[in-house]
Amino acid sequence: MDIKTQLIVFLFSFLFGFLFFYLMYINYQFIKNKNKLTQFIENIVFVLDMDLIYLFILYKINYGAYHIYFFIMTLIGSIVGYLCLKFVKGFVKYCFQKMLVLKSLYRG
């Protein structure tokens, strides 16, 4: 595998990890109020679907060659996705608090 293909797969794995985290977060929001068996089954189906999509695209990029550092890049992408979500939630909360303070000052 040449260096160009490896860089493309690195970037794809990182972005896929980022996307995977956000889709997993959205999936959790949909199923958090269901019973445990339904949650388990839906999580298994979701993860299998995402794995098949990843392997299919990986097959199209480099004929399905998989190395451990592709998994590491996917994991790093998921961690960055988590940190971005945490930052965005904190920023939105901060903005709403400032809006409420400004609103109370304006009325008062």
PDB file of N, CA and C in Angstrom:
ATOM      1  N   MET A   1       0.862  -1.167   0.000  1.00  0.00           N
ATOM      2  CA  MET A   1       0.000   0.000   0.000  1.00  0.00           C
ATOM      3  C   MET A   1       0.913   1.236   0.000  1.00  0.00           C
ATOM      4  N   ASP A   2       0.680   2.138  -0.930  1.00  0.00           N
ATOM      5  CA  ASP A   2       1.530   3.325  -1.023  1.00  0.00           C
ATOM      6  C   ASP A   2       1.120   4.377   0.013  1.00  0.00           C
ATOM      7  N   ILE A   3       1.956   5.397   0.146  1.00  0.00           N
ATOM      8  CA  ILE A   3       1.763   6.405   1.196  1.00  0.00           C
ATOM      9  C   ILE A   3       0.501   7.237   0.962  1.00  0.00           C
ATOM     10  N   LYS A   4       0.172   7.498  -0.288  1.00  0.00           N
ATOM     11  CA  LYS A   4      -1.030   8.277  -0.595  1.00  0.00           C
ATOM     12  C   LYS A   4      -2.283   7.546  -0.116  1.00  0.00           C
ATOM     13  N   THR A   5      -2.348   6.268  -0.386  1.00  0.00           N
ATOM     14  CA  THR A   5      -3.495   5.468   0.049  1.00  0.00           C
ATOM     15  C   THR A   5      -3.568   5.401   1.566  1.00  0.00           C
ATOM     16  N   GLN A   6      -2.426   5.269   2.223  1.00  0.00           N
ATOM     17  CA  GLN A   6      -2.429   5.221   3.683  1.00  0.00           C
ATOM     18  C   GLN A   6      -2.920   6.535   4.280  1.00  0.00           C
ATOM     19  N   LEU A   7      -2.499   7.652   3.709  1.00  0.00           N
ATOM     20  CA  LEU A   7      -2.974   8.945   4.216  1.00  0.00           C
ATOM     21  C   LEU A   7      -4.476   9.116   4.000  1.00  0.00           C
ATOM     22  N   ILE A   8      -4.969   8.654   2.870  1.00  0.00           N
ATOM     23  CA  ILE A   8      -6.409   8.727   2.613  1.00  0.00           C
ATOM     24  C   ILE A   8      -7.164   7.874   3.621  1.00  0.00           C
ATOM     25  N   VAL A   9      -6.653   6.680   3.897  1.00  0.00           N
ATOM     26  CA  VAL A   9      -7.316   5.794   4.861  1.00  0.00           C
ATOM     27  C   VAL A   9      -7.210   6.358   6.276  1.00  0.00           C
ATOM     28  N   PHE A  10      -6.078   6.981   6.622  1.00  0.00           N
ATOM     29  CA  PHE A  10      -5.958   7.645   7.923  1.00  0.00           C
ATOM     30  C   PHE A  10      -7.027   8.710   8.081  1.00  0.00           C
ATOM     31  N   LEU A  11      -7.145   9.580   7.088  1.00  0.00           N
ATOM     32  CA  LEU A  11      -8.128  10.655   7.144  1.00  0.00           C
ATOM     33  C   LEU A  11      -9.547  10.089   7.191  1.00  0.00           C
ATOM     34  N   PHE A  12      -9.817   9.087   6.361  1.00  0.00           N
ATOM     35  CA  PHE A  12     -11.138   8.463   6.368  1.00  0.00           C
ATOM     36  C   PHE A  12     -11.445   7.836   7.723  1.00  0.00           C
ATOM     37  N   SER A  13     -10.471   7.134   8.310  1.00  0.00           N
ATOM     38  CA  SER A  13     -10.696   6.480   9.601  1.00  0.00           C
ATOM     39  C   SER A  13     -10.962   7.506  10.693  1.00  0.00           C
ATOM     40  N   PHE A  14     -10.217   8.610  10.672  1.00  0.00           N
ATOM     41  CA  PHE A  14     -10.426   9.661  11.656  1.00  0.00           C
ATOM     42  C   PHE A  14     -11.824  10.259  11.521  1.00  0.00           C
ATOM     43  N   LEU A  15     -12.213  10.603  10.300  1.00  0.00           N
ATOM     44  CA  LEU A  15     -13.538  11.198  10.078  1.00  0.00           C
ATOM     45  C   LEU A  15     -14.659  10.204  10.371  1.00  0.00           C
ATOM     46  N   PHE A  16     -14.418   8.935  10.067  1.00  0.00           N
ATOM     47  CA  PHE A  16     -15.421   7.920  10.371  1.00  0.00           C
ATOM     48  C   PHE A  16     -15.591   7.763  11.874  1.00  0.00           C
ATOM     49  N   GLY A  17     -14.497   7.834  12.636  1.00  0.00           N
ATOM     50  CA  GLY A  17     -14.594   7.767  14.096  1.00  0.00           C
ATOM     51  C   GLY A  17     -15.389   8.943  14.642  1.00  0.00           C
ATOM     52  N   PHE A  18     -15.143  10.120  14.083  1.00  0.00           N
ATOM     53  CA  PHE A  18     -15.879  11.321  14.462  1.00  0.00           C
ATOM     54  C   PHE A  18     -17.370  11.134  14.180  1.00  0.00           C
ATOM     55  N   LEU A  19     -17.686  10.685  12.962  1.00  0.00           N
ATOM     56  CA  LEU A  19     -19.073  10.444  12.566  1.00  0.00           C
ATOM     57  C   LEU A  19     -19.705   9.345  13.402  1.00  0.00           C
ATOM     58  N   PHE A  20     -18.950   8.285  13.660  1.00  0.00           N
ATOM     59  CA  PHE A  20     -19.463   7.167  14.441  1.00  0.00           C
ATOM     60  C   PHE A  20     -19.862   7.615  15.839  1.00  0.00           C
ATOM     61  N   PHE A  21     -19.047   8.454  16.469  1.00  0.00           N
ATOM     62  CA  PHE A  21     -19.386   8.934  17.803  1.00  0.00           C
ATOM     63  C   PHE A  21     -20.697   9.723  17.783  1.00  0.00           C
ATOM     64  N   TYR A  22     -20.844  10.640  16.829  1.00  0.00           N
ATOM     65  CA  TYR A  22     -22.063  11.443  16.788  1.00  0.00           C
ATOM     66  C   TYR A  22     -23.297  10.602  16.473  1.00  0.00           C
ATOM     67  N   LEU A  23     -23.163   9.648  15.571  1.00  0.00           N
ATOM     68  CA  LEU A  23     -24.305   8.778  15.286  1.00  0.00           C
ATOM     69  C   LEU A  23     -24.646   7.893  16.485  1.00  0.00           C
ATOM     70  N   MET A  24     -23.623   7.456  17.211  1.00  0.00           N
ATOM     71  CA  MET A  24     -23.876   6.664  18.413  1.00  0.00           C
ATOM     72  C   MET A  24     -24.577   7.512  19.470  1.00  0.00           C
ATOM     73  N   TYR A  25     -24.191   8.772  19.591  1.00  0.00           N
ATOM     74  CA  TYR A  25     -24.836   9.690  20.532  1.00  0.00           C
ATOM     75  C   TYR A  25     -26.305   9.901  20.153  1.00  0.00           C
ATOM     76  N   ILE A  26     -26.569  10.103  18.879  1.00  0.00           N
ATOM     77  CA  ILE A  26     -27.954  10.275  18.418  1.00  0.00           C
ATOM     78  C   ILE A  26     -28.748   8.990  18.634  1.00  0.00           C
ATOM     79  N   ASN A  27     -28.132   7.858  18.342  1.00  0.00           N
ATOM     80  CA  ASN A  27     -28.786   6.572  18.566  1.00  0.00           C
ATOM     81  C   ASN A  27     -29.143   6.401  20.039  1.00  0.00           C
ATOM     82  N   TYR A  28     -28.241   6.779  20.918  1.00  0.00           N
ATOM     83  CA  TYR A  28     -28.518   6.676  22.358  1.00  0.00           C
ATOM     84  C   TYR A  28     -29.681   7.571  22.755  1.00  0.00           C
ATOM     85  N   GLN A  29     -29.776   8.751  22.173  1.00  0.00           N
ATOM     86  CA  GLN A  29     -30.881   9.655  22.497  1.00  0.00           C
ATOM     87  C   GLN A  29     -32.227   9.041  22.105  1.00  0.00           C
ATOM     88  N   PHE A  30     -32.247   8.272  21.021  1.00  0.00           N
ATOM     89  CA  PHE A  30     -33.490   7.637  20.586  1.00  0.00           C
ATOM     90  C   PHE A  30     -33.885   6.444  21.448  1.00  0.00           C
ATOM     91  N   ILE A  31     -32.909   5.695  21.949  1.00  0.00           N
ATOM     92  CA  ILE A  31     -33.247   4.437  22.617  1.00  0.00           C
ATOM     93  C   ILE A  31     -33.101   4.475  24.130  1.00  0.00           C
ATOM     94  N   LYS A  32     -32.758   5.609  24.716  1.00  0.00           N
ATOM     95  CA  LYS A  32     -32.493   5.617  26.157  1.00  0.00           C
ATOM     96  C   LYS A  32     -33.728   5.341  27.015  1.00  0.00           C
ATOM     97  N   ASN A  33     -34.918   5.540  26.495  1.00  0.00           N
ATOM     98  CA  ASN A  33     -36.133   5.308  27.285  1.00  0.00           C
ATOM     99  C   ASN A  33     -36.777   3.960  27.000  1.00  0.00           C
ATOM    100  N   LYS A  34     -36.102   3.107  26.237  1.00  0.00           N
ATOM    101  CA  LYS A  34     -36.643   1.787  25.931  1.00  0.00           C
ATOM    102  C   LYS A  34     -36.100   0.770  26.921  1.00  0.00           C
ATOM    103  N   ASN A  35     -36.680  -0.437  26.893  1.00  0.00           N
ATOM    104  CA  ASN A  35     -36.208  -1.456  27.833  1.00  0.00           C
ATOM    105  C   ASN A  35     -34.823  -1.974  27.439  1.00  0.00           C
ATOM    106  N   LYS A  36     -34.168  -2.670  28.339  1.00  0.00           N
ATOM    107  CA  LYS A  36     -32.771  -3.072  28.163  1.00  0.00           C
ATOM    108  C   LYS A  36     -32.562  -4.009  26.978  1.00  0.00           C
ATOM    109  N   LEU A  37     -33.483  -4.933  26.758  1.00  0.00           N
ATOM    110  CA  LEU A  37     -33.332  -5.869  25.653  1.00  0.00           C
ATOM    111  C   LEU A  37     -33.396  -5.138  24.312  1.00  0.00           C
ATOM    112  N   THR A  38     -34.329  -4.208  24.183  1.00  0.00           N
ATOM    113  CA  THR A  38     -34.447  -3.428  22.954  1.00  0.00           C
ATOM    114  C   THR A  38     -33.206  -2.575  22.745  1.00  0.00           C
ATOM    115  N   GLN A  39     -32.692  -1.982  23.808  1.00  0.00           N
ATOM    116  CA  GLN A  39     -31.467  -1.188  23.698  1.00  0.00           C
ATOM    117  C   GLN A  39     -30.303  -2.048  23.208  1.00  0.00           C
ATOM    118  N   PHE A  40     -30.183  -3.227  23.784  1.00  0.00           N
ATOM    119  CA  PHE A  40     -29.097  -4.126  23.416  1.00  0.00           C
ATOM    120  C   PHE A  40     -29.180  -4.520  21.950  1.00  0.00           C
ATOM    121  N   ILE A  41     -30.362  -4.917  21.511  1.00  0.00           N
ATOM    122  CA  ILE A  41     -30.537  -5.350  20.124  1.00  0.00           C
ATOM    123  C   ILE A  41     -30.288  -4.198  19.157  1.00  0.00           C
ATOM    124  N   GLU A  42     -30.818  -3.033  19.446  1.00  0.00           N
ATOM    125  CA  GLU A  42     -30.621  -1.892  18.555  1.00  0.00           C
ATOM    126  C   GLU A  42     -29.164  -1.452  18.519  1.00  0.00           C
ATOM    127  N   ASN A  43     -28.458  -1.539  19.645  1.00  0.00           N
ATOM    128  CA  ASN A  43     -27.032  -1.207  19.642  1.00  0.00           C
ATOM    129  C   ASN A  43     -26.224  -2.196  18.814  1.00  0.00           C
ATOM    130  N   ILE A  44     -26.536  -3.470  18.945  1.00  0.00           N
ATOM    131  CA  ILE A  44     -25.829  -4.492  18.162  1.00  0.00           C
ATOM    132  C   ILE A  44     -26.057  -4.261  16.672  1.00  0.00           C
ATOM    133  N   VAL A  45     -27.291  -4.025  16.281  1.00  0.00           N
ATOM    134  CA  VAL A  45     -27.605  -3.788  14.869  1.00  0.00           C
ATOM    135  C   VAL A  45     -26.916  -2.523  14.369  1.00  0.00           C
ATOM    136  N   PHE A  46     -26.922  -1.475  15.166  1.00  0.00           N
ATOM    137  CA  PHE A  46     -26.289  -0.220  14.778  1.00  0.00           C
ATOM    138  C   PHE A  46     -24.783  -0.400  14.579  1.00  0.00           C
ATOM    139  N   VAL A  47     -24.127  -1.043  15.529  1.00  0.00           N
ATOM    140  CA  VAL A  47     -22.677  -1.227  15.444  1.00  0.00           C
ATOM    141  C   VAL A  47     -22.318  -2.135  14.264  1.00  0.00           C
ATOM    142  N   LEU A  48     -23.087  -3.182  14.041  1.00  0.00           N
ATOM    143  CA  LEU A  48     -22.830  -4.044  12.894  1.00  0.00           C
ATOM    144  C   LEU A  48     -23.002  -3.284  11.580  1.00  0.00           C
ATOM    145  N   ASP A  49     -24.028  -2.470  11.488  1.00  0.00           N
ATOM    146  CA  ASP A  49     -24.227  -1.668  10.277  1.00  0.00           C
ATOM    147  C   ASP A  49     -23.060  -0.709  10.049  1.00  0.00           C
ATOM    148  N   MET A  50     -22.641  -0.046  11.104  1.00  0.00           N
ATOM    149  CA  MET A  50     -21.532   0.897  10.972  1.00  0.00           C
ATOM    150  C   MET A  50     -20.235   0.167  10.603  1.00  0.00           C
ATOM    151  N   ASP A  51     -20.006  -1.006  11.176  1.00  0.00           N
ATOM    152  CA  ASP A  51     -18.817  -1.782  10.817  1.00  0.00           C
ATOM    153  C   ASP A  51     -18.846  -2.204   9.356  1.00  0.00           C
ATOM    154  N   LEU A  52     -20.006  -2.642   8.895  1.00  0.00           N
ATOM    155  CA  LEU A  52     -20.112  -3.047   7.489  1.00  0.00           C
ATOM    156  C   LEU A  52     -19.908  -1.872   6.547  1.00  0.00           C
ATOM    157  N   ILE A  53     -20.427  -0.714   6.904  1.00  0.00           N
ATOM    158  CA  ILE A  53     -20.213   0.475   6.086  1.00  0.00           C
ATOM    159  C   ILE A  53     -18.732   0.828   6.051  1.00  0.00           C
ATOM    160  N   TYR A  54     -18.077   0.796   7.214  1.00  0.00           N
ATOM    161  CA  TYR A  54     -16.649   1.110   7.285  1.00  0.00           C
ATOM    162  C   TYR A  54     -15.836   0.134   6.436  1.00  0.00           C
ATOM    163  N   LEU A  55     -16.103  -1.143   6.572  1.00  0.00           N
ATOM    164  CA  LEU A  55     -15.348  -2.138   5.809  1.00  0.00           C
ATOM    165  C   LEU A  55     -15.624  -2.040   4.320  1.00  0.00           C
ATOM    166  N   PHE A  56     -16.848  -1.724   3.935  1.00  0.00           N
ATOM    167  CA  PHE A  56     -17.171  -1.560   2.522  1.00  0.00           C
ATOM    168  C   PHE A  56     -16.398  -0.389   1.924  1.00  0.00           C
ATOM    169  N   ILE A  57     -16.386   0.743   2.614  1.00  0.00           N
ATOM    170  CA  ILE A  57     -15.663   1.909   2.105  1.00  0.00           C
ATOM    171  C   ILE A  57     -14.156   1.638   2.132  1.00  0.00           C
ATOM    172  N   LEU A  58     -13.684   0.961   3.164  1.00  0.00           N
ATOM    173  CA  LEU A  58     -12.273   0.599   3.220  1.00  0.00           C
ATOM    174  C   LEU A  58     -11.904  -0.329   2.066  1.00  0.00           C
ATOM    175  N   TYR A  59     -12.796  -1.223   1.722  1.00  0.00           N
ATOM    176  CA  TYR A  59     -12.564  -2.113   0.587  1.00  0.00           C
ATOM    177  C   TYR A  59     -12.474  -1.322  -0.714  1.00  0.00           C
ATOM    178  N   LYS A  60     -13.299  -0.294  -0.851  1.00  0.00           N
ATOM    179  CA  LYS A  60     -13.262   0.527  -2.059  1.00  0.00           C
ATOM    180  C   LYS A  60     -11.993   1.372  -2.136  1.00  0.00           C
ATOM    181  N   ILE A  61     -11.457   1.783  -0.977  1.00  0.00           N
ATOM    182  CA  ILE A  61     -10.262   2.633  -0.975  1.00  0.00           C
ATOM    183  C   ILE A  61      -8.996   1.812  -1.205  1.00  0.00           C
ATOM    184  N   ASN A  62      -8.817   0.749  -0.425  1.00  0.00           N
ATOM    185  CA  ASN A  62      -7.547   0.008  -0.497  1.00  0.00           C
ATOM    186  C   ASN A  62      -7.744  -1.500  -0.545  1.00  0.00           C
ATOM    187  N   TYR A  63      -8.824  -1.963  -1.108  1.00  0.00           N
ATOM    188  CA  TYR A  63      -9.113  -3.389  -1.290  1.00  0.00           C
ATOM    189  C   TYR A  63      -9.188  -4.158   0.015  1.00  0.00           C
ATOM    190  N   GLY A  64      -9.637  -3.486   1.071  1.00  0.00           N
ATOM    191  CA  GLY A  64      -9.928  -4.149   2.326  1.00  0.00           C
ATOM    192  C   GLY A  64      -8.742  -4.428   3.226  1.00  0.00           C
ATOM    193  N   ALA A  65      -7.575  -3.885   2.918  1.00  0.00           N
ATOM    194  CA  ALA A  65      -6.419  -4.076   3.794  1.00  0.00           C
ATOM    195  C   ALA A  65      -6.660  -3.278   5.072  1.00  0.00           C
ATOM    196  N   TYR A  66      -6.569  -3.952   6.204  1.00  0.00           N
ATOM    197  CA  TYR A  66      -6.856  -3.316   7.487  1.00  0.00           C
ATOM    198  C   TYR A  66      -5.657  -3.500   8.402  1.00  0.00           C
ATOM    199  N   HIS A  67      -5.241  -2.401   9.022  1.00  0.00           N
ATOM    200  CA  HIS A  67      -4.133  -2.433   9.964  1.00  0.00           C
ATOM    201  C   HIS A  67      -4.610  -1.864  11.293  1.00  0.00           C
ATOM    202  N   ILE A  68      -3.877  -2.159  12.330  1.00  0.00           N
ATOM    203  CA  ILE A  68      -4.280  -1.733  13.670  1.00  0.00           C
ATOM    204  C   ILE A  68      -4.282  -0.217  13.785  1.00  0.00           C
ATOM    205  N   TYR A  69      -3.421   0.472  13.058  1.00  0.00           N
ATOM    206  CA  TYR A  69      -3.398   1.925  13.178  1.00  0.00           C
ATOM    207  C   TYR A  69      -4.612   2.576  12.536  1.00  0.00           C
ATOM    208  N   PHE A  70      -5.326   1.872  11.674  1.00  0.00           N
ATOM    209  CA  PHE A  70      -6.610   2.402  11.186  1.00  0.00           C
ATOM    210  C   PHE A  70      -7.626   2.414  12.321  1.00  0.00           C
ATOM    211  N   PHE A  71      -7.623   1.357  13.125  1.00  0.00           N
ATOM    212  CA  PHE A  71      -8.505   1.305  14.297  1.00  0.00           C
ATOM    213  C   PHE A  71      -8.132   2.407  15.292  1.00  0.00           C
ATOM    214  N   ILE A  72      -6.832   2.630  15.471  1.00  0.00           N
ATOM    215  CA  ILE A  72      -6.387   3.680  16.395  1.00  0.00           C
ATOM    216  C   ILE A  72      -6.847   5.046  15.908  1.00  0.00           C
ATOM    217  N   MET A  73      -6.779   5.304  14.610  1.00  0.00           N
ATOM    218  CA  MET A  73      -7.249   6.582  14.069  1.00  0.00           C
ATOM    219  C   MET A  73      -8.764   6.722  14.251  1.00  0.00           C
ATOM    220  N   THR A  74      -9.505   5.639  14.097  1.00  0.00           N
ATOM    221  CA  THR A  74     -10.949   5.678  14.333  1.00  0.00           C
ATOM    222  C   THR A  74     -11.229   5.993  15.797  1.00  0.00           C
ATOM    223  N   LEU A  75     -10.472   5.400  16.688  1.00  0.00           N
ATOM    224  CA  LEU A  75     -10.626   5.667  18.122  1.00  0.00           C
ATOM    225  C   LEU A  75     -10.285   7.121  18.446  1.00  0.00           C
ATOM    226  N   ILE A  76      -9.225   7.644  17.863  1.00  0.00           N
ATOM    227  CA  ILE A  76      -8.853   9.042  18.079  1.00  0.00           C
ATOM    228  C   ILE A  76      -9.948   9.965  17.544  1.00  0.00           C
ATOM    229  N   GLY A  77     -10.522   9.622  16.390  1.00  0.00           N
ATOM    230  CA  GLY A  77     -11.635  10.410  15.852  1.00  0.00           C
ATOM    231  C   GLY A  77     -12.831  10.425  16.783  1.00  0.00           C
ATOM    232  N   SER A  78     -13.113   9.286  17.414  1.00  0.00           N
ATOM    233  CA  SER A  78     -14.218   9.224  18.375  1.00  0.00           C
ATOM    234  C   SER A  78     -13.935  10.079  19.602  1.00  0.00           C
ATOM    235  N   ILE A  79     -12.704  10.060  20.071  1.00  0.00           N
ATOM    236  CA  ILE A  79     -12.340  10.864  21.238  1.00  0.00           C
ATOM    237  C   ILE A  79     -12.447  12.345  20.912  1.00  0.00           C
ATOM    238  N   VAL A  80     -11.982  12.745  19.735  1.00  0.00           N
ATOM    239  CA  VAL A  80     -12.094  14.145  19.321  1.00  0.00           C
ATOM    240  C   VAL A  80     -13.569  14.537  19.184  1.00  0.00           C
ATOM    241  N   GLY A  81     -14.394  13.629  18.665  1.00  0.00           N
ATOM    242  CA  GLY A  81     -15.834  13.887  18.583  1.00  0.00           C
ATOM    243  C   GLY A  81     -16.445  14.106  19.954  1.00  0.00           C
ATOM    244  N   TYR A  82     -16.036  13.303  20.920  1.00  0.00           N
ATOM    245  CA  TYR A  82     -16.520  13.463  22.294  1.00  0.00           C
ATOM    246  C   TYR A  82     -16.111  14.816  22.859  1.00  0.00           C
ATOM    247  N   LEU A  83     -14.857  15.191  22.665  1.00  0.00           N
ATOM    248  CA  LEU A  83     -14.374  16.471  23.178  1.00  0.00           C
ATOM    249  C   LEU A  83     -15.076  17.646  22.502  1.00  0.00           C
ATOM    250  N   CYS A  84     -15.336  17.529  21.205  1.00  0.00           N
ATOM    251  CA  CYS A  84     -16.060  18.596  20.500  1.00  0.00           C
ATOM    252  C   CYS A  84     -17.493  18.713  21.016  1.00  0.00           C
ATOM    253  N   LEU A  85     -18.153  17.580  21.228  1.00  0.00           N
ATOM    254  CA  LEU A  85     -19.518  17.609  21.748  1.00  0.00           C
ATOM    255  C   LEU A  85     -19.545  18.226  23.140  1.00  0.00           C
ATOM    256  N   LYS A  86     -18.577  17.872  23.975  1.00  0.00           N
ATOM    257  CA  LYS A  86     -18.495  18.426  25.321  1.00  0.00           C
ATOM    258  C   LYS A  86     -18.275  19.942  25.260  1.00  0.00           C
ATOM    259  N   PHE A  87     -17.408  20.397  24.365  1.00  0.00           N
ATOM    260  CA  PHE A  87     -17.141  21.820  24.205  1.00  0.00           C
ATOM    261  C   PHE A  87     -18.382  22.562  23.708  1.00  0.00           C
ATOM    262  N   VAL A  88     -19.061  21.996  22.720  1.00  0.00           N
ATOM    263  CA  VAL A  88     -20.248  22.656  22.158  1.00  0.00           C
ATOM    264  C   VAL A  88     -21.349  22.749  23.207  1.00  0.00           C
ATOM    265  N   LYS A  89     -21.559  21.682  23.976  1.00  0.00           N
ATOM    266  CA  LYS A  89     -22.571  21.727  25.035  1.00  0.00           C
ATOM    267  C   LYS A  89     -22.242  22.796  26.069  1.00  0.00           C
ATOM    268  N   GLY A  90     -20.986  22.865  26.471  1.00  0.00           N
ATOM    269  CA  GLY A  90     -20.570  23.883  27.442  1.00  0.00           C
ATOM    270  C   GLY A  90     -20.718  25.291  26.886  1.00  0.00           C
ATOM    271  N   PHE A  91     -20.379  25.475  25.623  1.00  0.00           N
ATOM    272  CA  PHE A  91     -20.480  26.785  24.995  1.00  0.00           C
ATOM    273  C   PHE A  91     -21.938  27.224  24.870  1.00  0.00           C
ATOM    274  N   VAL A  92     -22.809  26.304  24.472  1.00  0.00           N
ATOM    275  CA  VAL A  92     -24.233  26.626  24.352  1.00  0.00           C
ATOM    276  C   VAL A  92     -24.815  26.964  25.718  1.00  0.00           C
ATOM    277  N   LYS A  93     -24.448  26.191  26.729  1.00  0.00           N
ATOM    278  CA  LYS A  93     -24.926  26.470  28.088  1.00  0.00           C
ATOM    279  C   LYS A  93     -24.453  27.850  28.554  1.00  0.00           C
ATOM    280  N   TYR A  94     -23.195  28.177  28.287  1.00  0.00           N
ATOM    281  CA  TYR A  94     -22.642  29.484  28.649  1.00  0.00           C
ATOM    282  C   TYR A  94     -23.396  30.608  27.934  1.00  0.00           C
ATOM    283  N   CYS A  95     -23.670  30.431  26.648  1.00  0.00           N
ATOM    284  CA  CYS A  95     -24.387  31.464  25.881  1.00  0.00           C
ATOM    285  C   CYS A  95     -25.801  31.670  26.408  1.00  0.00           C
ATOM    286  N   PHE A  96     -26.498  30.589  26.730  1.00  0.00           N
ATOM    287  CA  PHE A  96     -27.853  30.724  27.262  1.00  0.00           C
ATOM    288  C   PHE A  96     -27.847  31.404  28.630  1.00  0.00           C
ATOM    289  N   GLN A  97     -26.867  31.103  29.456  1.00  0.00           N
ATOM    290  CA  GLN A  97     -26.773  31.769  30.755  1.00  0.00           C
ATOM    291  C   GLN A  97     -26.535  33.252  30.574  1.00  0.00           C
ATOM    292  N   LYS A  98     -25.675  33.637  29.646  1.00  0.00           N
ATOM    293  CA  LYS A  98     -25.426  35.056  29.388  1.00  0.00           C
ATOM    294  C   LYS A  98     -26.669  35.744  28.844  1.00  0.00           C
ATOM    295  N   MET A  99     -27.413  35.040  27.991  1.00  0.00           N
ATOM    296  CA  MET A  99     -28.650  35.619  27.447  1.00  0.00           C
ATOM    297  C   MET A  99     -29.660  35.849  28.557  1.00  0.00           C
ATOM    298  N   LEU A 100     -29.769  34.904  29.499  1.00  0.00           N
ATOM    299  CA  LEU A 100     -30.718  35.060  30.599  1.00  0.00           C
ATOM    300  C   LEU A 100     -30.317  36.212  31.509  1.00  0.00           C
ATOM    301  N   VAL A 101     -29.026  36.383  31.746  1.00  0.00           N
ATOM    302  CA  VAL A 101     -28.559  37.495  32.571  1.00  0.00           C
ATOM    303  C   VAL A 101     -28.863  38.810  31.887  1.00  0.00           C
ATOM    304  N   LEU A 102     -28.568  38.883  30.594  1.00  0.00           N
ATOM    305  CA  LEU A 102     -28.835  40.106  29.851  1.00  0.00           C
ATOM    306  C   LEU A 102     -30.336  40.414  29.793  1.00  0.00           C
ATOM    307  N   LYS A 103     -31.124  39.367  29.653  1.00  0.00           N
ATOM    308  CA  LYS A 103     -32.576  39.544  29.602  1.00  0.00           C
ATOM    309  C   LYS A 103     -33.092  40.069  30.939  1.00  0.00           C
ATOM    310  N   SER A 104     -32.567  39.530  32.054  1.00  0.00           N
ATOM    311  CA  SER A 104     -33.028  39.996  33.360  1.00  0.00           C
ATOM    312  C   SER A 104     -32.561  41.416  33.633  1.00  0.00           C
ATOM    313  N   LEU A 105     -31.387  41.800  33.152  1.00  0.00           N
ATOM    314  CA  LEU A 105     -30.906  43.168  33.310  1.00  0.00           C
ATOM    315  C   LEU A 105     -31.729  44.145  32.466  1.00  0.00           C
ATOM    316  N   TYR A 106     -32.122  43.700  31.300  1.00  0.00           N
ATOM    317  CA  TYR A 106     -32.894  44.554  30.400  1.00  0.00           C
ATOM    318  C   TYR A 106     -34.287  44.832  30.965  1.00  0.00           C
ATOM    319  N   ARG A 107     -34.901  43.837  31.589  1.00  0.00           N
ATOM    320  CA  ARG A 107     -36.246  43.992  32.139  1.00  0.00           C
ATOM    321  C   ARG A 107     -36.234  44.703  33.477  1.00  0.00           C
ATOM    322  N   GLY A 108     -35.154  44.566  34.178  1.00  0.00           N
ATOM    323  CA  GLY A 108     -35.177  44.969  35.540  1.00  0.00           C
ATOM    324  C   GLY A 108     -34.741  46.334  35.843  1.00  0.00           C
TER     325      GLY A 108
END
